Amino acid sequence: EPQLTSNEMFDVYSKPFYL
């Protein structure tokens, strides 16, 4: 499982592209 950086995690929470 790839580890996300703070920016990447923030990006994930900013825009719901995990849907």
PDB file of N, CA and C in Angstrom:
ATOM      1  N   GLU A   1       0.847  -1.202   0.000  1.00  0.00           N
ATOM      2  CA  GLU A   1       0.000   0.000   0.000  1.00  0.00           C
ATOM      3  C   GLU A   1       0.882   1.252   0.000  1.00  0.00           C
ATOM      4  N   PRO A   2       0.714   2.122  -0.976  1.00  0.00           N
ATOM      5  CA  PRO A   2       1.529   3.333  -1.104  1.00  0.00           C
ATOM      6  C   PRO A   2       1.245   4.334   0.014  1.00  0.00           C
ATOM      7  N   GLN A   3       2.299   4.890   0.546  1.00  0.00           N
ATOM      8  CA  GLN A   3       2.120   5.877   1.609  1.00  0.00           C
ATOM      9  C   GLN A   3       1.930   7.267   1.005  1.00  0.00           C
ATOM     10  N   LEU A   4       0.914   7.962   1.512  1.00  0.00           N
ATOM     11  CA  LEU A   4       0.621   9.291   0.980  1.00  0.00           C
ATOM     12  C   LEU A   4       1.341  10.362   1.785  1.00  0.00           C
ATOM     13  N   THR A   5       1.732  11.420   1.096  1.00  0.00           N
ATOM     14  CA  THR A   5       2.320  12.555   1.793  1.00  0.00           C
ATOM     15  C   THR A   5       1.193  13.433   2.321  1.00  0.00           C
ATOM     16  N   SER A   6       1.512  14.442   3.085  1.00  0.00           N
ATOM     17  CA  SER A   6       0.501  15.336   3.645  1.00  0.00           C
ATOM     18  C   SER A   6      -0.299  15.999   2.538  1.00  0.00           C
ATOM     19  N   ASN A   7       0.410  16.417   1.491  1.00  0.00           N
ATOM     20  CA  ASN A   7      -0.255  17.068   0.363  1.00  0.00           C
ATOM     21  C   ASN A   7      -1.219  16.123  -0.333  1.00  0.00           C
ATOM     22  N   GLU A   8      -0.792  14.896  -0.527  1.00  0.00           N
ATOM     23  CA  GLU A   8      -1.635  13.922  -1.222  1.00  0.00           C
ATOM     24  C   GLU A   8      -2.874  13.593  -0.388  1.00  0.00           C
ATOM     25  N   MET A   9      -2.686  13.435   0.905  1.00  0.00           N
ATOM     26  CA  MET A   9      -3.823  13.154   1.776  1.00  0.00           C
ATOM     27  C   MET A   9      -4.785  14.336   1.782  1.00  0.00           C
ATOM     28  N   PHE A  10      -4.234  15.533   1.815  1.00  0.00           N
ATOM     29  CA  PHE A  10      -5.071  16.732   1.792  1.00  0.00           C
ATOM     30  C   PHE A  10      -5.848  16.788   0.494  1.00  0.00           C
ATOM     31  N   ASP A  11      -5.198  16.395  -0.590  1.00  0.00           N
ATOM     32  CA  ASP A  11      -5.832  16.378  -1.907  1.00  0.00           C
ATOM     33  C   ASP A  11      -6.991  15.378  -1.909  1.00  0.00           C
ATOM     34  N   VAL A  12      -6.754  14.234  -1.303  1.00  0.00           N
ATOM     35  CA  VAL A  12      -7.791  13.196  -1.241  1.00  0.00           C
ATOM     36  C   VAL A  12      -9.004  13.702  -0.466  1.00  0.00           C
ATOM     37  N   TYR A  13      -8.746  14.393   0.640  1.00  0.00           N
ATOM     38  CA  TYR A  13      -9.856  14.882   1.454  1.00  0.00           C
ATOM     39  C   TYR A  13     -10.501  16.125   0.851  1.00  0.00           C
ATOM     40  N   SER A  14      -9.747  16.820   0.016  1.00  0.00           N
ATOM     41  CA  SER A  14     -10.285  18.032  -0.607  1.00  0.00           C
ATOM     42  C   SER A  14     -11.295  17.687  -1.694  1.00  0.00           C
ATOM     43  N   LYS A  15     -10.888  16.783  -2.586  1.00  0.00           N
ATOM     44  CA  LYS A  15     -11.799  16.384  -3.660  1.00  0.00           C
ATOM     45  C   LYS A  15     -12.056  14.880  -3.601  1.00  0.00           C
ATOM     46  N   PRO A  16     -13.303  14.494  -3.585  1.00  0.00           N
ATOM     47  CA  PRO A  16     -13.685  13.082  -3.424  1.00  0.00           C
ATOM     48  C   PRO A  16     -13.401  12.247  -4.660  1.00  0.00           C
ATOM     49  N   PHE A  17     -12.133  12.039  -5.007  1.00  0.00           N
ATOM     50  CA  PHE A  17     -11.826  11.188  -6.152  1.00  0.00           C
ATOM     51  C   PHE A  17     -11.630   9.748  -5.666  1.00  0.00           C
ATOM     52  N   TYR A  18     -11.931   9.513  -4.405  1.00  0.00           N
ATOM     53  CA  TYR A  18     -11.869   8.150  -3.893  1.00  0.00           C
ATOM     54  C   TYR A  18     -13.213   7.463  -4.098  1.00  0.00           C
ATOM     55  N   LEU A  19     -14.196   8.192  -4.603  1.00  0.00           N
ATOM     56  CA  LEU A  19     -15.515   7.606  -4.851  1.00  0.00           C
ATOM     57  C   LEU A  19     -15.493   6.832  -6.157  1.00  0.00           C
TER      58      LEU A  19
END
